[in-house]
Amino acid sequence: GTLFKRSTINIIGSIAYNIKDFLEYSLFAALITFDVKNAFNTILINYLILRLKE
């Protein structure tokens, strides 16, 4: 993952949770990512899509 002792899945879950909170209060949310040192190469795409839909 991108943070010490945090996996990429943990980071994606945290991001999805924060975006969900913003949208519940009709606030604007945007996300810009950079794939530094292949941090997202190990994520399961179906899991990512499922988490983002939640």
C-alpha atoms as a PDB file:
ATOM      1  CA  GLY A   1       0.000   0.000   0.000  1.00  0.00           C
ATOM      2  CA  THR A   2       0.896   3.638  -0.061  1.00  0.00           C
ATOM      3  CA  LEU A   3       1.101   4.066   3.711  1.00  0.00           C
ATOM      4  CA  PHE A   4       3.119   2.053   6.199  1.00  0.00           C
ATOM      5  CA  LYS A   5       1.135  -1.015   7.362  1.00  0.00           C
ATOM      6  CA  ARG A   6      -1.870  -0.068   5.185  1.00  0.00           C
ATOM      7  CA  SER A   7      -2.802  -2.065   2.105  1.00  0.00           C
ATOM      8  CA  THR A   8      -4.098  -0.608  -1.126  1.00  0.00           C
ATOM      9  CA  ILE A   9      -7.498  -2.147  -0.294  1.00  0.00           C
ATOM     10  CA  ASN A  10      -7.581  -0.228   3.014  1.00  0.00           C
ATOM     11  CA  ILE A  11      -6.791   3.031   1.259  1.00  0.00           C
ATOM     12  CA  ILE A  12      -9.470   2.484  -1.417  1.00  0.00           C
ATOM     13  CA  GLY A  13     -12.024   1.642   1.287  1.00  0.00           C
ATOM     14  CA  SER A  14     -11.182   4.830   3.168  1.00  0.00           C
ATOM     15  CA  ILE A  15     -11.473   6.921   0.015  1.00  0.00           C
ATOM     16  CA  ALA A  16     -14.817   5.342  -0.921  1.00  0.00           C
ATOM     17  CA  TYR A  17     -16.141   5.954   2.608  1.00  0.00           C
ATOM     18  CA  ASN A  18     -15.122   9.622   2.511  1.00  0.00           C
ATOM     19  CA  ILE A  19     -16.663  10.189  -0.918  1.00  0.00           C
ATOM     20  CA  LYS A  20     -19.890   8.529   0.258  1.00  0.00           C
ATOM     21  CA  ASP A  21     -20.063  10.966   3.195  1.00  0.00           C
ATOM     22  CA  PHE A  22     -19.565  13.949   0.891  1.00  0.00           C
ATOM     23  CA  LEU A  23     -22.301  12.777  -1.468  1.00  0.00           C
ATOM     24  CA  GLU A  24     -24.767  12.146   1.386  1.00  0.00           C
ATOM     25  CA  TYR A  25     -24.525  15.834   2.292  1.00  0.00           C
ATOM     26  CA  SER A  26     -24.758  16.922  -1.368  1.00  0.00           C
ATOM     27  CA  LEU A  27     -21.173  18.131  -1.298  1.00  0.00           C
ATOM     28  CA  PHE A  28     -18.841  17.959  -4.269  1.00  0.00           C
ATOM     29  CA  ALA A  29     -16.242  15.204  -4.316  1.00  0.00           C
ATOM     30  CA  ALA A  30     -13.347  14.709  -6.713  1.00  0.00           C
ATOM     31  CA  LEU A  31     -10.463  12.286  -6.725  1.00  0.00           C
ATOM     32  CA  ILE A  32      -7.182  12.550  -8.576  1.00  0.00           C
ATOM     33  CA  THR A  33      -4.792   9.630  -8.255  1.00  0.00           C
ATOM     34  CA  PHE A  34      -1.272   8.897  -9.314  1.00  0.00           C
ATOM     35  CA  ASP A  35      -0.081   5.297  -9.570  1.00  0.00           C
ATOM     36  CA  VAL A  36       3.268   5.740  -7.867  1.00  0.00           C
ATOM     37  CA  LYS A  37       5.504   2.657  -8.004  1.00  0.00           C
ATOM     38  CA  ASN A  38       2.589   0.473  -9.184  1.00  0.00           C
ATOM     39  CA  ALA A  39       0.643   0.825  -5.919  1.00  0.00           C
ATOM     40  CA  PHE A  40      -2.648  -0.180  -7.564  1.00  0.00           C
ATOM     41  CA  ASN A  41      -1.391  -3.154  -9.585  1.00  0.00           C
ATOM     42  CA  THR A  42      -2.451  -5.675  -6.940  1.00  0.00           C
ATOM     43  CA  ILE A  43      -6.041  -4.526  -6.411  1.00  0.00           C
ATOM     44  CA  LEU A  44      -8.882  -6.750  -7.591  1.00  0.00           C
ATOM     45  CA  ILE A  45     -10.874  -4.693 -10.099  1.00  0.00           C
ATOM     46  CA  ASN A  46     -14.246  -6.301  -9.239  1.00  0.00           C
ATOM     47  CA  TYR A  47     -13.696  -5.555  -5.538  1.00  0.00           C
ATOM     48  CA  LEU A  48     -12.856  -1.939  -6.353  1.00  0.00           C
ATOM     49  CA  ILE A  49     -16.013  -1.520  -8.440  1.00  0.00           C
ATOM     50  CA  LEU A  50     -18.144  -3.092  -5.703  1.00  0.00           C
ATOM     51  CA  ARG A  51     -16.677  -0.778  -3.040  1.00  0.00           C
ATOM     52  CA  LEU A  52     -17.211   2.309  -5.184  1.00  0.00           C
ATOM     53  CA  LYS A  53     -20.859   1.333  -5.814  1.00  0.00           C
ATOM     54  CA  GLU A  54     -21.491   1.043  -2.053  1.00  0.00           C
END
